[in-house]
């Protein structure tokens, strides 16, 4: 219990390795997100280490959740930009997700048609007969 309380208290400011552990996102990916603007650069400690706060944890979790909805990093960046500078991006996100849903439904219909066609092209297999003896080779 004592270790858990200390762990929760240290969530306020963490280094990149700790942030990676807490979010399940590799350090290299966190650096990439920072370089590409998905994650704002954190302040640095006097020793030069990145010093992330709880907002970084929340933002990275948001990025992963958005990726699971099949949003591209560019789309996620736009959602974050709108959220950071203009407030909640509700209508933009709704339009974005509606577009993704439409594409997903079209793709699902295409894949279903392909599956059905493949099923028609597979000839029925005759029932297999069991033989107890292995085939013998004839001498030539």
Protein backbone atom coordinates (compact mmCIF):
# COMPACT_ATOMS: atom_id res chain seq x y z
CA UNK A 1 0.00 0.00 0.00
CA UNK A 2 2.75 2.42 0.93
CA UNK A 3 4.45 1.95 -2.47
CA UNK A 4 1.17 2.61 -4.25
CA UNK A 5 0.62 5.89 -2.42
CA UNK A 6 4.13 7.02 -3.29
CA UNK A 7 3.63 5.96 -6.93
CA UNK A 8 0.41 7.99 -7.24
CA UNK A 9 2.02 11.04 -5.67
CA UNK A 10 4.93 10.88 -8.11
CA UNK A 11 2.49 10.99 -11.05
CA UNK A 12 2.62 14.78 -10.90
CA UNK A 13 6.05 14.99 -12.56
CA UNK A 14 7.72 12.10 -14.35
CA UNK A 15 10.62 11.52 -16.67
CA UNK A 16 10.13 10.04 -20.10
CA UNK A 17 10.85 6.44 -19.03
CA UNK A 18 8.26 6.66 -16.27
CA UNK A 19 5.78 8.21 -18.69
CA UNK A 20 6.40 5.33 -21.09
CA UNK A 21 5.78 2.79 -18.33
CA UNK A 22 2.59 4.48 -17.17
CA UNK A 23 1.10 4.83 -20.65
CA UNK A 24 2.47 1.69 -22.31
CA UNK A 25 3.90 3.85 -25.10
CA UNK A 26 7.59 3.35 -25.95
CA UNK A 27 10.02 6.19 -25.22
CA UNK A 28 10.91 6.45 -28.90
CA UNK A 29 7.23 6.93 -29.80
CA UNK A 30 6.80 9.59 -27.11
CA UNK A 31 9.76 11.48 -28.58
CA UNK A 32 8.25 11.14 -32.06
CA UNK A 33 4.90 12.49 -30.80
CA UNK A 34 6.75 15.40 -29.22
CA UNK A 35 8.69 16.14 -32.44
CA UNK A 36 5.53 15.94 -34.54
CA UNK A 37 3.56 18.27 -32.25
CA UNK A 38 1.12 15.75 -30.79
CA UNK A 39 2.72 16.21 -27.39
CA UNK A 40 3.98 19.65 -26.40
CA UNK A 41 7.61 19.74 -25.34
CA UNK A 42 7.76 19.53 -21.55
CA UNK A 43 9.90 21.71 -19.37
CA UNK A 44 13.35 20.36 -18.59
CA UNK A 45 14.93 19.74 -15.22
CA UNK A 46 18.18 21.48 -14.35
CA UNK A 47 19.93 18.29 -15.47
CA UNK A 48 18.19 18.48 -18.86
CA UNK A 49 15.66 15.67 -18.36
CA UNK A 50 12.16 16.03 -19.75
CA UNK A 51 9.73 16.72 -16.89
CA UNK A 52 6.22 15.54 -17.85
CA UNK A 53 3.10 16.18 -15.80
CA UNK A 54 -0.33 14.51 -15.69
CA UNK A 55 -1.47 16.34 -18.81
CA UNK A 56 1.10 14.36 -20.84
CA UNK A 57 -0.33 11.07 -19.53
CA UNK A 58 -3.85 12.17 -20.45
CA UNK A 59 -2.80 13.45 -23.87
CA UNK A 60 -0.94 10.25 -24.75
CA UNK A 61 -3.93 8.16 -23.69
CA UNK A 62 -6.10 10.34 -25.91
CA UNK A 63 -3.74 9.83 -28.86
CA UNK A 64 -3.84 6.04 -28.40
CA UNK A 65 -7.64 6.03 -28.07
CA UNK A 66 -7.96 8.13 -31.23
CA UNK A 67 -5.61 5.77 -33.08
CA UNK A 68 -7.79 2.84 -32.03
CA UNK A 69 -10.64 4.61 -33.84
CA UNK A 70 -8.44 4.55 -36.95
CA UNK A 71 -7.70 8.28 -36.95
CA UNK A 72 -4.44 9.23 -38.60
CA UNK A 73 -1.81 11.15 -36.66
CA UNK A 74 -2.56 14.19 -38.83
CA UNK A 75 -6.25 13.98 -37.90
CA UNK A 76 -5.38 13.54 -34.22
CA UNK A 77 -3.05 16.53 -34.40
CA UNK A 78 -5.88 18.64 -35.87
CA UNK A 79 -8.29 17.55 -33.12
CA UNK A 80 -5.69 18.43 -30.49
CA UNK A 81 -4.93 21.77 -32.16
CA UNK A 82 -8.61 22.70 -32.16
CA UNK A 83 -8.98 21.56 -28.56
CA UNK A 84 -5.88 23.47 -27.45
CA UNK A 85 -6.73 26.75 -29.17
CA UNK A 86 -10.47 26.83 -29.79
CA UNK A 87 -12.12 24.68 -27.13
CA UNK A 88 -13.87 21.35 -27.60
CA UNK A 89 -13.76 20.19 -31.24
CA UNK A 90 -17.17 18.47 -31.10
CA UNK A 91 -18.50 19.17 -34.62
CA UNK A 92 -15.10 18.56 -36.23
CA UNK A 93 -14.70 15.23 -34.42
CA UNK A 94 -18.27 14.23 -35.26
CA UNK A 95 -17.66 14.92 -38.96
CA UNK A 96 -14.32 13.13 -38.84
CA UNK A 97 -15.75 10.02 -37.18
CA UNK A 98 -18.77 10.01 -39.49
CA UNK A 99 -16.44 10.02 -42.49
CA UNK A 100 -14.44 7.15 -41.01
CA UNK A 101 -17.63 5.22 -40.31
CA UNK A 102 -18.83 5.71 -43.90
CA UNK A 103 -15.49 4.45 -45.27
CA UNK A 104 -15.54 1.51 -42.87
CA UNK A 105 -19.06 0.53 -43.94
CA UNK A 106 -18.06 0.69 -47.63
CA UNK A 107 -14.96 -1.40 -46.96
CA UNK A 108 -17.00 -3.92 -44.95
CA UNK A 109 -19.43 -4.29 -47.88
CA UNK A 110 -16.50 -4.78 -50.29
CA UNK A 111 -14.91 -7.41 -48.06
CA UNK A 112 -18.23 -9.20 -47.58
CA UNK A 113 -18.72 -9.36 -51.37
CA UNK A 114 -15.16 -10.66 -51.80
CA UNK A 115 -15.71 -13.32 -49.12
CA UNK A 116 -18.95 -14.45 -50.77
CA UNK A 117 -17.27 -14.69 -54.19
CA UNK A 118 -14.37 -16.69 -52.77
CA UNK A 119 -16.80 -19.11 -51.14
CA UNK A 120 -18.47 -19.66 -54.52
CA UNK A 121 -15.14 -20.38 -56.21
CA UNK A 122 -14.01 -23.04 -53.72
CA UNK A 123 -15.06 -26.44 -55.02
CA UNK A 124 -16.75 -28.71 -52.52
CA UNK A 125 -14.33 -31.20 -51.06
CA UNK A 126 -15.26 -34.85 -51.20
CA UNK A 127 -15.31 -36.69 -47.90
CA UNK A 128 -11.90 -38.07 -47.13
CA UNK A 129 -11.44 -41.79 -46.91
CA UNK A 130 -9.22 -43.12 -44.23
CA UNK A 131 -6.53 -45.62 -45.00
CA UNK A 132 -4.67 -47.33 -42.23
CA UNK A 133 -1.65 -48.23 -44.28
CA UNK A 134 0.75 -45.71 -45.66
CA UNK A 135 1.10 -45.72 -49.44
CA UNK A 136 3.83 -48.04 -50.68
CA UNK A 137 6.38 -47.14 -53.26
CA UNK A 138 6.65 -49.37 -56.25
CA UNK A 139 10.05 -50.41 -57.45
CA UNK A 140 10.81 -49.14 -60.89
